[in-house]
Amino acid sequence: MSQQQQGEALPEGRFAGREAFRQGVRDALACAAREGWPELILSDASFQDWPLGEREVAQSLQDWSRAGRRCILLACRYDEVIRQHARFVTWRQAWSHVIEARGCRSADPLGFPSAIWSPQWVLQRLDVERSNGVCGSETRRRLLLRELLDEWLLKSSPAFPAVTLGL
């Protein structure tokens, strides 16, 4: 998977390796901003391998953020996000009105979906350890991933508050 250029279509098919996965995340979020995707679901057990703290990704998310947009974050735990992705945490605080964070604390991280879903295109790691998976815009692929994520969302509860209130 190569870095996406302006107007270039997102990749279709298999990807292999951590850097290919990370580039897929970068490309998807840049495309979401450029094309104005109305909805995103970002799902991973911990988001540890994701490039969420990178300046480029933060800018894509900032460019994507508009009224009427919606992003759902789904994870087992958000500890790694807070530790590793300071830019993302700051963005999440500023745009909490378009972001819903959900958690499944009792879920097995090895069986948890690692994916980006949008109505236009999806990316799914099938083997998280090796960062191998598939991506594409086929209707069937998008529908099956959405059904899987909806099942996990039903098991989830609110998590990762935008602001932590103290006494």
C-alpha atoms as a PDB file:
ATOM      1  CA  MET A   1       0.000   0.000   0.000  1.00  0.00           C
ATOM      2  CA  SER A   2       1.594   3.305  -1.005  1.00  0.00           C
ATOM      3  CA  GLN A   3       0.936   6.785   0.277  1.00  0.00           C
ATOM      4  CA  GLN A   4      -2.234   8.169  -1.256  1.00  0.00           C
ATOM      5  CA  GLN A   5      -1.980  11.238  -3.439  1.00  0.00           C
ATOM      6  CA  GLN A   6      -4.647  13.882  -3.983  1.00  0.00           C
ATOM      7  CA  GLY A   7      -7.544  12.341  -5.920  1.00  0.00           C
ATOM      8  CA  GLU A   8      -6.062   8.823  -5.936  1.00  0.00           C
ATOM      9  CA  ALA A   9      -8.432   6.013  -4.996  1.00  0.00           C
ATOM     10  CA  LEU A  10      -7.899   4.192  -1.730  1.00  0.00           C
ATOM     11  CA  PRO A  11      -6.381   0.711  -2.026  1.00  0.00           C
ATOM     12  CA  GLU A  12      -8.492  -2.378  -2.557  1.00  0.00           C
ATOM     13  CA  GLY A  13      -7.559  -5.905  -1.472  1.00  0.00           C
ATOM     14  CA  ARG A  14      -4.988  -7.338   0.902  1.00  0.00           C
ATOM     15  CA  PHE A  15      -2.314  -5.519   2.865  1.00  0.00           C
ATOM     16  CA  ALA A  16       0.522  -6.999   4.897  1.00  0.00           C
ATOM     17  CA  GLY A  17       2.680  -5.593   7.653  1.00  0.00           C
ATOM     18  CA  ARG A  18       2.566  -2.929  10.320  1.00  0.00           C
ATOM     19  CA  GLU A  19       3.682  -0.058   8.098  1.00  0.00           C
ATOM     20  CA  ALA A  20       1.137  -0.971   5.389  1.00  0.00           C
ATOM     21  CA  PHE A  21      -1.566  -0.930   8.055  1.00  0.00           C
ATOM     22  CA  ARG A  22      -0.391   2.404   9.477  1.00  0.00           C
ATOM     23  CA  GLN A  23      -0.274   3.919   5.975  1.00  0.00           C
ATOM     24  CA  GLY A  24      -3.790   2.633   5.345  1.00  0.00           C
ATOM     25  CA  VAL A  25      -4.987   4.476   8.448  1.00  0.00           C
ATOM     26  CA  ARG A  26      -3.242   7.682   7.321  1.00  0.00           C
ATOM     27  CA  ASP A  27      -4.676   7.407   3.807  1.00  0.00           C
ATOM     28  CA  ALA A  28      -8.193   6.629   5.012  1.00  0.00           C
ATOM     29  CA  LEU A  29      -8.330   9.600   7.379  1.00  0.00           C
ATOM     30  CA  ALA A  30      -6.881  11.946   4.754  1.00  0.00           C
ATOM     31  CA  CYS A  31      -9.507  10.733   2.265  1.00  0.00           C
ATOM     32  CA  ALA A  32     -12.276  11.093   4.888  1.00  0.00           C
ATOM     33  CA  ALA A  33     -11.259  14.734   5.354  1.00  0.00           C
ATOM     34  CA  ARG A  34     -10.917  15.457   1.651  1.00  0.00           C
ATOM     35  CA  GLU A  35     -14.188  13.765   0.628  1.00  0.00           C
ATOM     36  CA  GLY A  36     -16.195  14.704   3.732  1.00  0.00           C
ATOM     37  CA  TRP A  37     -17.142  11.222   4.896  1.00  0.00           C
ATOM     38  CA  PRO A  38     -20.081  11.727   7.284  1.00  0.00           C
ATOM     39  CA  GLU A  39     -19.329   8.809   9.620  1.00  0.00           C
ATOM     40  CA  LEU A  40     -16.302   6.873  10.840  1.00  0.00           C
ATOM     41  CA  ILE A  41     -15.874   3.968  13.220  1.00  0.00           C
ATOM     42  CA  LEU A  42     -12.345   3.403  14.515  1.00  0.00           C
ATOM     43  CA  SER A  43     -12.032   0.101  16.362  1.00  0.00           C
ATOM     44  CA  ASP A  44      -9.061  -1.574  18.020  1.00  0.00           C
ATOM     45  CA  ALA A  45      -8.337  -3.302  21.324  1.00  0.00           C
ATOM     46  CA  SER A  46      -5.909  -0.528  22.375  1.00  0.00           C
ATOM     47  CA  PHE A  47      -4.965   1.570  19.279  1.00  0.00           C
ATOM     48  CA  GLN A  48      -1.344   0.912  20.234  1.00  0.00           C
ATOM     49  CA  ASP A  49      -0.177   0.312  16.618  1.00  0.00           C
ATOM     50  CA  TRP A  50      -2.186   3.155  15.109  1.00  0.00           C
ATOM     51  CA  PRO A  51      -0.484   6.402  14.005  1.00  0.00           C
ATOM     52  CA  LEU A  52      -3.018   8.539  15.894  1.00  0.00           C
ATOM     53  CA  GLY A  53      -0.373  10.720  17.528  1.00  0.00           C
ATOM     54  CA  GLU A  54       1.216  11.793  14.242  1.00  0.00           C
ATOM     55  CA  ARG A  55       0.875  15.410  13.129  1.00  0.00           C
ATOM     56  CA  GLU A  56      -0.416  14.314   9.674  1.00  0.00           C
ATOM     57  CA  VAL A  57      -3.172  12.179  11.209  1.00  0.00           C
ATOM     58  CA  ALA A  58      -4.160  14.895  13.684  1.00  0.00           C
ATOM     59  CA  GLN A  59      -4.445  17.346  10.787  1.00  0.00           C
ATOM     60  CA  SER A  60      -6.593  14.913   8.782  1.00  0.00           C
ATOM     61  CA  LEU A  61      -8.917  14.488  11.758  1.00  0.00           C
ATOM     62  CA  GLN A  62      -9.058  18.236  12.285  1.00  0.00           C
ATOM     63  CA  ASP A  63      -9.887  18.775   8.597  1.00  0.00           C
ATOM     64  CA  TRP A  64     -12.551  16.051   8.779  1.00  0.00           C
ATOM     65  CA  SER A  65     -14.232  17.531  11.888  1.00  0.00           C
ATOM     66  CA  ARG A  66     -17.364  19.458  10.970  1.00  0.00           C
ATOM     67  CA  ALA A  67     -20.875  19.795  12.301  1.00  0.00           C
ATOM     68  CA  GLY A  68     -22.963  16.817  11.265  1.00  0.00           C
ATOM     69  CA  ARG A  69     -20.010  14.412  11.236  1.00  0.00           C
ATOM     70  CA  ARG A  70     -19.841  11.454  13.583  1.00  0.00           C
ATOM     71  CA  CYS A  71     -16.959   9.308  14.798  1.00  0.00           C
ATOM     72  CA  ILE A  72     -17.308   6.281  17.038  1.00  0.00           C
ATOM     73  CA  LEU A  73     -14.232   4.999  18.852  1.00  0.00           C
ATOM     74  CA  LEU A  74     -14.443   1.405  20.036  1.00  0.00           C
ATOM     75  CA  ALA A  75     -11.746  -0.215  22.177  1.00  0.00           C
ATOM     76  CA  CYS A  76     -11.187  -2.610  25.034  1.00  0.00           C
ATOM     77  CA  ARG A  77      -9.164   0.032  26.873  1.00  0.00           C
ATOM     78  CA  TYR A  78      -7.930   3.545  26.146  1.00  0.00           C
ATOM     79  CA  ASP A  79      -4.811   3.505  28.367  1.00  0.00           C
ATOM     80  CA  GLU A  80      -2.421   3.282  25.385  1.00  0.00           C
ATOM     81  CA  VAL A  81      -4.231   6.073  23.562  1.00  0.00           C
ATOM     82  CA  ILE A  82      -3.729   8.396  26.518  1.00  0.00           C
ATOM     83  CA  ARG A  83      -0.079   7.348  26.921  1.00  0.00           C
ATOM     84  CA  GLN A  84       1.000   7.326  23.265  1.00  0.00           C
ATOM     85  CA  HIS A  85      -1.229   9.668  21.282  1.00  0.00           C
ATOM     86  CA  ALA A  86      -1.267  13.122  22.916  1.00  0.00           C
ATOM     87  CA  ARG A  87      -2.321  14.944  19.715  1.00  0.00           C
ATOM     88  CA  PHE A  88      -5.262  12.577  19.309  1.00  0.00           C
ATOM     89  CA  VAL A  89      -6.336  13.069  22.936  1.00  0.00           C
ATOM     90  CA  THR A  90      -6.250  16.856  22.435  1.00  0.00           C
ATOM     91  CA  TRP A  91      -8.285  16.561  19.229  1.00  0.00           C
ATOM     92  CA  ARG A  92     -10.789  14.292  20.969  1.00  0.00           C
ATOM     93  CA  GLN A  93     -11.235  16.900  23.743  1.00  0.00           C
ATOM     94  CA  ALA A  94     -11.839  19.711  21.250  1.00  0.00           C
ATOM     95  CA  TRP A  95     -14.296  17.719  19.136  1.00  0.00           C
ATOM     96  CA  SER A  96     -16.067  15.685  21.825  1.00  0.00           C
ATOM     97  CA  HIS A  97     -19.438  16.699  20.366  1.00  0.00           C
ATOM     98  CA  VAL A  98     -18.799  14.621  17.194  1.00  0.00           C
ATOM     99  CA  ILE A  99     -17.009  11.698  18.897  1.00  0.00           C
ATOM    100  CA  GLU A 100     -18.557   8.887  20.880  1.00  0.00           C
ATOM    101  CA  ALA A 101     -16.048   6.674  22.692  1.00  0.00           C
ATOM    102  CA  ARG A 102     -17.180   3.196  23.684  1.00  0.00           C
ATOM    103  CA  GLY A 103     -15.355   0.491  25.608  1.00  0.00           C
ATOM    104  CA  CYS A 104     -15.533  -3.266  26.075  1.00  0.00           C
ATOM    105  CA  ARG A 105     -13.245  -3.719  29.082  1.00  0.00           C
ATOM    106  CA  SER A 106     -13.981  -7.436  29.554  1.00  0.00           C
ATOM    107  CA  ALA A 107     -13.415  -8.356  25.886  1.00  0.00           C
ATOM    108  CA  ASP A 108     -10.490 -10.526  24.820  1.00  0.00           C
ATOM    109  CA  PRO A 109      -8.116  -8.165  22.981  1.00  0.00           C
ATOM    110  CA  LEU A 110      -7.083 -10.973  20.605  1.00  0.00           C
ATOM    111  CA  GLY A 111     -10.652 -11.351  19.355  1.00  0.00           C
ATOM    112  CA  PHE A 112     -11.445  -7.651  19.189  1.00  0.00           C
ATOM    113  CA  PRO A 113     -11.913  -6.052  15.734  1.00  0.00           C
ATOM    114  CA  SER A 114      -9.156  -3.764  14.477  1.00  0.00           C
ATOM    115  CA  ALA A 115     -10.742  -1.722  11.711  1.00  0.00           C
ATOM    116  CA  ILE A 116     -11.824   1.511  10.132  1.00  0.00           C
ATOM    117  CA  TRP A 117     -15.381   1.563   8.831  1.00  0.00           C
ATOM    118  CA  SER A 118     -17.003   4.248   6.739  1.00  0.00           C
ATOM    119  CA  PRO A 119     -19.974   4.179   4.375  1.00  0.00           C
ATOM    120  CA  GLN A 120     -17.464   4.513   1.504  1.00  0.00           C
ATOM    121  CA  TRP A 121     -14.466   2.285   2.387  1.00  0.00           C
ATOM    122  CA  VAL A 122     -13.190  -0.080   5.090  1.00  0.00           C
ATOM    123  CA  LEU A 123      -9.891  -1.393   6.389  1.00  0.00           C
ATOM    124  CA  GLN A 124      -9.770  -4.459   8.625  1.00  0.00           C
ATOM    125  CA  ARG A 125      -6.811  -6.200  10.231  1.00  0.00           C
ATOM    126  CA  LEU A 126      -7.585  -9.905  10.263  1.00  0.00           C
ATOM    127  CA  ASP A 127      -4.273 -10.821  11.954  1.00  0.00           C
ATOM    128  CA  VAL A 128      -3.398  -8.065  14.440  1.00  0.00           C
ATOM    129  CA  GLU A 129      -0.087  -9.623  15.458  1.00  0.00           C
ATOM    130  CA  ARG A 130       1.242  -9.527  11.877  1.00  0.00           C
ATOM    131  CA  SER A 131      -0.883  -6.520  10.813  1.00  0.00           C
ATOM    132  CA  ASN A 132      -2.335  -8.357   7.834  1.00  0.00           C
ATOM    133  CA  GLY A 133      -5.787  -7.664   6.524  1.00  0.00           C
ATOM    134  CA  VAL A 134      -8.056  -6.425   3.783  1.00  0.00           C
ATOM    135  CA  CYS A 135      -9.421  -3.100   2.644  1.00  0.00           C
ATOM    136  CA  GLY A 136     -11.862  -1.957   0.024  1.00  0.00           C
ATOM    137  CA  SER A 137     -15.102  -0.333  -0.936  1.00  0.00           C
ATOM    138  CA  GLU A 138     -17.154  -3.412  -1.889  1.00  0.00           C
ATOM    139  CA  THR A 139     -20.671  -3.251  -0.503  1.00  0.00           C
ATOM    140  CA  ARG A 140     -20.496  -6.749   0.992  1.00  0.00           C
ATOM    141  CA  ARG A 141     -17.207  -6.041   2.801  1.00  0.00           C
ATOM    142  CA  ARG A 142     -18.603  -2.780   4.243  1.00  0.00           C
ATOM    143  CA  LEU A 143     -21.859  -4.437   5.332  1.00  0.00           C
ATOM    144  CA  LEU A 144     -20.173  -7.423   7.029  1.00  0.00           C
ATOM    145  CA  LEU A 145     -17.745  -5.206   8.923  1.00  0.00           C
ATOM    146  CA  ARG A 146     -20.542  -2.869  10.031  1.00  0.00           C
ATOM    147  CA  GLU A 147     -22.549  -5.844  11.329  1.00  0.00           C
ATOM    148  CA  LEU A 148     -19.507  -7.086  13.283  1.00  0.00           C
ATOM    149  CA  LEU A 149     -18.873  -3.633  14.772  1.00  0.00           C
ATOM    150  CA  ASP A 150     -22.566  -3.204  15.637  1.00  0.00           C
ATOM    151  CA  GLU A 151     -22.414  -6.466  17.634  1.00  0.00           C
ATOM    152  CA  TRP A 152     -19.456  -5.112  19.620  1.00  0.00           C
ATOM    153  CA  LEU A 153     -21.138  -1.744  20.085  1.00  0.00           C
ATOM    154  CA  LEU A 154     -24.116  -3.489  21.685  1.00  0.00           C
ATOM    155  CA  LYS A 155     -21.722  -5.019  24.261  1.00  0.00           C
ATOM    156  CA  SER A 156     -19.963  -1.712  24.918  1.00  0.00           C
ATOM    157  CA  SER A 157     -20.473   1.143  27.338  1.00  0.00           C
ATOM    158  CA  PRO A 158     -19.326   4.788  27.373  1.00  0.00           C
ATOM    159  CA  ALA A 159     -15.566   5.127  27.898  1.00  0.00           C
ATOM    160  CA  PHE A 160     -12.614   7.524  27.436  1.00  0.00           C
ATOM    161  CA  PRO A 161     -14.277  10.733  28.620  1.00  0.00           C
ATOM    162  CA  ALA A 162     -13.172  13.889  26.819  1.00  0.00           C
ATOM    163  CA  VAL A 163     -12.685  15.647  30.153  1.00  0.00           C
ATOM    164  CA  THR A 164     -11.839  14.025  33.452  1.00  0.00           C
ATOM    165  CA  LEU A 165     -13.521  15.816  36.316  1.00  0.00           C
ATOM    166  CA  GLY A 166     -11.790  15.844  39.678  1.00  0.00           C
ATOM    167  CA  LEU A 167     -12.679  17.107  43.117  1.00  0.00           C
END
